[in-house]
PDB file of N, CA and C in Angstrom:
ATOM      1  N   UNK A   1       0.850  -1.175   0.000  1.00  0.00           N
ATOM      2  CA  UNK A   1       0.000   0.000   0.000  1.00  0.00           C
ATOM      3  C   UNK A   1       0.892   1.233   0.000  1.00  0.00           C
ATOM      4  N   UNK A   2       0.537   2.185  -0.836  1.00  0.00           N
ATOM      5  CA  UNK A   2       1.245   3.466  -0.926  1.00  0.00           C
ATOM      6  C   UNK A   2       0.322   4.538  -0.355  1.00  0.00           C
ATOM      7  N   UNK A   3       0.834   5.354   0.548  1.00  0.00           N
ATOM      8  CA  UNK A   3       0.077   6.476   1.099  1.00  0.00           C
ATOM      9  C   UNK A   3       0.514   7.742   0.386  1.00  0.00           C
ATOM     10  N   UNK A   4      -0.460   8.479  -0.133  1.00  0.00           N
ATOM     11  CA  UNK A   4      -0.179   9.743  -0.802  1.00  0.00           C
ATOM     12  C   UNK A   4      -0.796  10.856   0.024  1.00  0.00           C
ATOM     13  N   UNK A   5       0.049  11.740   0.549  1.00  0.00           N
ATOM     14  CA  UNK A   5      -0.441  12.886   1.313  1.00  0.00           C
ATOM     15  C   UNK A   5      -0.646  14.049   0.353  1.00  0.00           C
ATOM     16  N   UNK A   6      -1.408  15.030   0.790  1.00  0.00           N
ATOM     17  CA  UNK A   6      -1.666  16.180  -0.070  1.00  0.00           C
ATOM     18  C   UNK A   6      -2.381  15.777  -1.343  1.00  0.00           C
ATOM     19  N   UNK A   7      -3.281  14.822  -1.226  1.00  0.00           N
ATOM     20  CA  UNK A   7      -3.890  14.203  -2.392  1.00  0.00           C
ATOM     21  C   UNK A   7      -4.742  15.145  -3.236  1.00  0.00           C
ATOM     22  N   UNK A   8      -5.232  16.232  -2.651  1.00  0.00           N
ATOM     23  CA  UNK A   8      -6.042  17.170  -3.432  1.00  0.00           C
ATOM     24  C   UNK A   8      -5.208  18.305  -4.014  1.00  0.00           C
ATOM     25  N   UNK A   9      -3.924  18.340  -3.697  1.00  0.00           N
ATOM     26  CA  UNK A   9      -3.059  19.405  -4.191  1.00  0.00           C
ATOM     27  C   UNK A   9      -2.585  19.165  -5.617  1.00  0.00           C
ATOM     28  N   UNK A  10      -1.866  20.107  -6.139  1.00  0.00           N
ATOM     29  CA  UNK A  10      -1.373  20.043  -7.510  1.00  0.00           C
ATOM     30  C   UNK A  10      -0.479  18.833  -7.738  1.00  0.00           C
ATOM     31  N   UNK A  11       0.482  18.629  -6.881  1.00  0.00           N
ATOM     32  CA  UNK A  11       1.423  17.522  -7.055  1.00  0.00           C
ATOM     33  C   UNK A  11       0.785  16.190  -6.655  1.00  0.00           C
ATOM     34  N   UNK A  12       0.122  16.157  -5.503  1.00  0.00           N
ATOM     35  CA  UNK A  12      -0.493  14.921  -5.029  1.00  0.00           C
ATOM     36  C   UNK A  12      -1.487  14.341  -6.018  1.00  0.00           C
ATOM     37  N   UNK A  13      -2.303  15.195  -6.620  1.00  0.00           N
ATOM     38  CA  UNK A  13      -3.289  14.703  -7.587  1.00  0.00           C
ATOM     39  C   UNK A  13      -2.607  14.135  -8.828  1.00  0.00           C
ATOM     40  N   UNK A  14      -1.486  14.702  -9.222  1.00  0.00           N
ATOM     41  CA  UNK A  14      -0.740  14.170 -10.368  1.00  0.00           C
ATOM     42  C   UNK A  14      -0.072  12.835 -10.024  1.00  0.00           C
ATOM     43  N   UNK A  15       0.365  12.689  -8.784  1.00  0.00           N
ATOM     44  CA  UNK A  15       0.944  11.416  -8.345  1.00  0.00           C
ATOM     45  C   UNK A  15      -0.120  10.321  -8.416  1.00  0.00           C
ATOM     46  N   UNK A  16      -1.320  10.631  -7.969  1.00  0.00           N
ATOM     47  CA  UNK A  16      -2.425   9.665  -8.053  1.00  0.00           C
ATOM     48  C   UNK A  16      -2.664   9.261  -9.498  1.00  0.00           C
ATOM     49  N   UNK A  17      -2.749  10.223 -10.384  1.00  0.00           N
ATOM     50  CA  UNK A  17      -2.981   9.949 -11.804  1.00  0.00           C
ATOM     51  C   UNK A  17      -1.874   9.079 -12.389  1.00  0.00           C
ATOM     52  N   UNK A  18      -0.639   9.369 -12.022  1.00  0.00           N
ATOM     53  CA  UNK A  18       0.494   8.617 -12.563  1.00  0.00           C
ATOM     54  C   UNK A  18       0.545   7.186 -12.031  1.00  0.00           C
ATOM     55  N   UNK A  19       0.187   6.984 -10.765  1.00  0.00           N
ATOM     56  CA  UNK A  19       0.288   5.655 -10.162  1.00  0.00           C
ATOM     57  C   UNK A  19      -0.942   4.786 -10.390  1.00  0.00           C
ATOM     58  N   UNK A  20      -2.065   5.397 -10.702  1.00  0.00           N
ATOM     59  CA  UNK A  20      -3.315   4.654 -10.803  1.00  0.00           C
ATOM     60  C   UNK A  20      -3.270   3.458 -11.743  1.00  0.00           C
ATOM     61  N   UNK A  21      -2.675   3.564 -12.928  1.00  0.00           N
ATOM     62  CA  UNK A  21      -2.681   2.408 -13.831  1.00  0.00           C
ATOM     63  C   UNK A  21      -1.999   1.164 -13.260  1.00  0.00           C
ATOM     64  N   UNK A  22      -0.991   1.342 -12.428  1.00  0.00           N
ATOM     65  CA  UNK A  22      -0.264   0.176 -11.908  1.00  0.00           C
ATOM     66  C   UNK A  22      -0.535  -0.106 -10.439  1.00  0.00           C
ATOM     67  N   UNK A  23      -1.104   0.858  -9.733  1.00  0.00           N
ATOM     68  CA  UNK A  23      -1.280   0.705  -8.279  1.00  0.00           C
ATOM     69  C   UNK A  23      -2.735   0.782  -7.830  1.00  0.00           C
ATOM     70  N   UNK A  24      -3.689   0.708  -8.744  1.00  0.00           N
ATOM     71  CA  UNK A  24      -5.107   0.767  -8.360  1.00  0.00           C
ATOM     72  C   UNK A  24      -5.385  -0.306  -7.319  1.00  0.00           C
ATOM     73  N   UNK A  25      -6.057   0.084  -6.257  1.00  0.00           N
ATOM     74  CA  UNK A  25      -6.341  -0.836  -5.171  1.00  0.00           C
ATOM     75  C   UNK A  25      -5.227  -0.930  -4.148  1.00  0.00           C
ATOM     76  N   UNK A  26      -4.096  -0.296  -4.448  1.00  0.00           N
ATOM     77  CA  UNK A  26      -2.943  -0.321  -3.544  1.00  0.00           C
ATOM     78  C   UNK A  26      -2.506   1.088  -3.159  1.00  0.00           C
ATOM     79  N   UNK A  27      -3.421   2.048  -3.307  1.00  0.00           N
ATOM     80  CA  UNK A  27      -3.127   3.442  -2.966  1.00  0.00           C
ATOM     81  C   UNK A  27      -4.102   3.913  -1.909  1.00  0.00           C
ATOM     82  N   UNK A  28      -3.560   4.545  -0.901  1.00  0.00           N
ATOM     83  CA  UNK A  28      -4.376   5.204   0.111  1.00  0.00           C
ATOM     84  C   UNK A  28      -4.068   6.684  -0.010  1.00  0.00           C
ATOM     85  N   UNK A  29      -5.094   7.499  -0.144  1.00  0.00           N
ATOM     86  CA  UNK A  29      -4.893   8.932  -0.339  1.00  0.00           C
ATOM     87  C   UNK A  29      -5.398   9.684   0.887  1.00  0.00           C
ATOM     88  N   UNK A  30      -4.565  10.558   1.398  1.00  0.00           N
ATOM     89  CA  UNK A  30      -4.854  11.297   2.619  1.00  0.00           C
ATOM     90  C   UNK A  30      -5.335  12.691   2.283  1.00  0.00           C
ATOM     91  N   UNK A  31      -6.465  13.065   2.850  1.00  0.00           N
ATOM     92  CA  UNK A  31      -7.018  14.395   2.657  1.00  0.00           C
ATOM     93  C   UNK A  31      -7.640  14.885   3.955  1.00  0.00           C
ATOM     94  N   UNK A  32      -7.704  16.184   4.115  1.00  0.00           N
ATOM     95  CA  UNK A  32      -8.426  16.772   5.254  1.00  0.00           C
ATOM     96  C   UNK A  32      -9.866  17.071   4.872  1.00  0.00           C
ATOM     97  N   UNK A  33     -10.174  16.956   3.588  1.00  0.00           N
ATOM     98  CA  UNK A  33     -11.486  17.323   3.065  1.00  0.00           C
ATOM     99  C   UNK A  33     -12.381  16.086   2.938  1.00  0.00           C
ATOM    100  N   UNK A  34     -13.387  15.954   3.799  1.00  0.00           N
ATOM    101  CA  UNK A  34     -14.251  14.783   3.721  1.00  0.00           C
ATOM    102  C   UNK A  34     -15.062  14.711   2.427  1.00  0.00           C
ATOM    103  N   UNK A  35     -15.217  15.826   1.741  1.00  0.00           N
ATOM    104  CA  UNK A  35     -15.971  15.850   0.487  1.00  0.00           C
ATOM    105  C   UNK A  35     -15.119  15.605  -0.747  1.00  0.00           C
ATOM    106  N   UNK A  36     -13.825  15.424  -0.580  1.00  0.00           N
ATOM    107  CA  UNK A  36     -12.930  15.207  -1.729  1.00  0.00           C
ATOM    108  C   UNK A  36     -13.300  13.905  -2.443  1.00  0.00           C
ATOM    109  N   UNK A  37     -13.222  13.949  -3.752  1.00  0.00           N
ATOM    110  CA  UNK A  37     -13.546  12.782  -4.579  1.00  0.00           C
ATOM    111  C   UNK A  37     -12.285  12.336  -5.305  1.00  0.00           C
ATOM    112  N   UNK A  38     -12.040  11.034  -5.289  1.00  0.00           N
ATOM    113  CA  UNK A  38     -10.863  10.461  -5.933  1.00  0.00           C
ATOM    114  C   UNK A  38     -11.307   9.355  -6.879  1.00  0.00           C
ATOM    115  N   UNK A  39     -10.454   9.009  -7.839  1.00  0.00           N
ATOM    116  CA  UNK A  39     -10.823   7.961  -8.793  1.00  0.00           C
ATOM    117  C   UNK A  39     -10.946   6.591  -8.125  1.00  0.00           C
ATOM    118  N   UNK A  40     -11.712   5.710  -8.769  1.00  0.00           N
ATOM    119  CA  UNK A  40     -11.785   4.330  -8.295  1.00  0.00           C
ATOM    120  C   UNK A  40     -10.374   3.760  -8.239  1.00  0.00           C
ATOM    121  N   UNK A  41     -10.105   2.977  -7.240  1.00  0.00           N
ATOM    122  CA  UNK A  41      -8.779   2.392  -7.073  1.00  0.00           C
ATOM    123  C   UNK A  41      -7.940   3.133  -6.057  1.00  0.00           C
ATOM    124  N   UNK A  42      -8.436   4.285  -5.580  1.00  0.00           N
ATOM    125  CA  UNK A  42      -7.747   5.057  -4.547  1.00  0.00           C
ATOM    126  C   UNK A  42      -8.609   5.041  -3.290  1.00  0.00           C
ATOM    127  N   UNK A  43      -8.058   4.580  -2.194  1.00  0.00           N
ATOM    128  CA  UNK A  43      -8.777   4.505  -0.926  1.00  0.00           C
ATOM    129  C   UNK A  43      -8.605   5.820  -0.178  1.00  0.00           C
ATOM    130  N   UNK A  44      -9.698   6.555   0.009  1.00  0.00           N
ATOM    131  CA  UNK A  44      -9.639   7.854   0.676  1.00  0.00           C
ATOM    132  C   UNK A  44      -9.630   7.684   2.191  1.00  0.00           C
ATOM    133  N   UNK A  45      -8.736   8.442   2.847  1.00  0.00           N
ATOM    134  CA  UNK A  45      -8.686   8.510   4.301  1.00  0.00           C
ATOM    135  C   UNK A  45      -8.709   9.984   4.677  1.00  0.00           C
ATOM    136  N   UNK A  46      -9.650  10.356   5.527  1.00  0.00           N
ATOM    137  CA  UNK A  46      -9.747  11.741   5.983  1.00  0.00           C
ATOM    138  C   UNK A  46      -9.010  11.848   7.318  1.00  0.00           C
ATOM    139  N   UNK A  47      -7.963  12.649   7.322  1.00  0.00           N
ATOM    140  CA  UNK A  47      -7.154  12.843   8.523  1.00  0.00           C
ATOM    141  C   UNK A  47      -6.295  14.083   8.342  1.00  0.00           C
ATOM    142  N   UNK A  48      -5.721  14.528   9.425  1.00  0.00           N
ATOM    143  CA  UNK A  48      -4.797  15.661   9.404  1.00  0.00           C
ATOM    144  C   UNK A  48      -3.491  15.187  10.025  1.00  0.00           C
ATOM    145  N   UNK A  49      -2.396  15.376   9.322  1.00  0.00           N
ATOM    146  CA  UNK A  49      -1.099  14.905   9.815  1.00  0.00           C
ATOM    147  C   UNK A  49      -0.740  15.466  11.181  1.00  0.00           C
ATOM    148  N   UNK A  50      -1.221  16.654  11.486  1.00  0.00           N
ATOM    149  CA  UNK A  50      -0.871  17.280  12.752  1.00  0.00           C
ATOM    150  C   UNK A  50      -1.810  16.957  13.891  1.00  0.00           C
ATOM    151  N   UNK A  51      -3.017  16.514  13.594  1.00  0.00           N
ATOM    152  CA  UNK A  51      -4.025  16.356  14.628  1.00  0.00           C
ATOM    153  C   UNK A  51      -4.533  14.937  14.827  1.00  0.00           C
ATOM    154  N   UNK A  52      -4.264  14.053  13.913  1.00  0.00           N
ATOM    155  CA  UNK A  52      -4.900  12.740  13.918  1.00  0.00           C
ATOM    156  C   UNK A  52      -3.990  11.643  14.456  1.00  0.00           C
ATOM    157  N   UNK A  53      -4.634  10.573  14.926  1.00  0.00           N
ATOM    158  CA  UNK A  53      -3.918   9.344  15.247  1.00  0.00           C
ATOM    159  C   UNK A  53      -3.650   8.661  13.911  1.00  0.00           C
ATOM    160  N   UNK A  54      -2.406   8.566  13.515  1.00  0.00           N
ATOM    161  CA  UNK A  54      -2.071   8.073  12.181  1.00  0.00           C
ATOM    162  C   UNK A  54      -1.853   6.565  12.113  1.00  0.00           C
ATOM    163  N   UNK A  55      -1.927   5.874  13.236  1.00  0.00           N
ATOM    164  CA  UNK A  55      -1.710   4.416  13.211  1.00  0.00           C
ATOM    165  C   UNK A  55      -2.652   3.716  12.224  1.00  0.00           C
ATOM    166  N   UNK A  56      -3.958   4.008  12.233  1.00  0.00           N
ATOM    167  CA  UNK A  56      -4.839   3.344  11.265  1.00  0.00           C
ATOM    168  C   UNK A  56      -4.545   3.754   9.815  1.00  0.00           C
ATOM    169  N   UNK A  57      -4.123   4.992   9.645  1.00  0.00           N
ATOM    170  CA  UNK A  57      -3.806   5.486   8.295  1.00  0.00           C
ATOM    171  C   UNK A  57      -2.593   4.749   7.741  1.00  0.00           C
ATOM    172  N   UNK A  58      -1.619   4.474   8.596  1.00  0.00           N
ATOM    173  CA  UNK A  58      -0.366   3.856   8.169  1.00  0.00           C
ATOM    174  C   UNK A  58      -0.392   2.330   8.158  1.00  0.00           C
ATOM    175  N   UNK A  59      -1.454   1.739   8.665  1.00  0.00           N
ATOM    176  CA  UNK A  59      -1.544   0.286   8.717  1.00  0.00           C
ATOM    177  C   UNK A  59      -1.453  -0.318   7.312  1.00  0.00           C
ATOM    178  N   UNK A  60      -0.458  -1.157   7.092  1.00  0.00           N
ATOM    179  CA  UNK A  60      -0.274  -1.814   5.805  1.00  0.00           C
ATOM    180  C   UNK A  60       0.476  -0.996   4.767  1.00  0.00           C
ATOM    181  N   UNK A  61       0.858   0.231   5.106  1.00  0.00           N
ATOM    182  CA  UNK A  61       1.559   1.120   4.172  1.00  0.00           C
ATOM    183  C   UNK A  61       3.043   0.764   4.149  1.00  0.00           C
ATOM    184  N   UNK A  62       3.617   0.638   2.950  1.00  0.00           N
ATOM    185  CA  UNK A  62       5.051   0.366   2.837  1.00  0.00           C
ATOM    186  C   UNK A  62       5.809   1.508   2.168  1.00  0.00           C
ATOM    187  N   UNK A  63       5.076   2.504   1.636  1.00  0.00           N
ATOM    188  CA  UNK A  63       5.712   3.666   1.011  1.00  0.00           C
ATOM    189  C   UNK A  63       4.814   4.872   1.196  1.00  0.00           C
ATOM    190  N   UNK A  64       5.448   6.052   1.349  1.00  0.00           N
ATOM    191  CA  UNK A  64       4.692   7.292   1.563  1.00  0.00           C
ATOM    192  C   UNK A  64       5.204   8.350   0.599  1.00  0.00           C
ATOM    193  N   UNK A  65       4.276   9.031  -0.065  1.00  0.00           N
ATOM    194  CA  UNK A  65       4.622  10.208  -0.844  1.00  0.00           C
ATOM    195  C   UNK A  65       4.170  11.397  -0.028  1.00  0.00           C
ATOM    196  N   UNK A  66       5.126  12.218   0.426  1.00  0.00           N
ATOM    197  CA  UNK A  66       4.795  13.378   1.260  1.00  0.00           C
ATOM    198  C   UNK A  66       4.604  14.577   0.390  1.00  0.00           C
TER     199      UNK A  66
END
């Protein structure tokens, strides 16, 4: 599982687009916006890096794009 932070930003959204063809179903995308919409194959997690318990977010993650 790959965790992508800043998933709604300029760079994060491009990382999702680039990885989707080969990593669909193996991407977890982190956003603070509960209304954010991501493509199928990306698992959305709503959390804040500064305020949240990140243990559940990081469970099963082997790579992180910050």
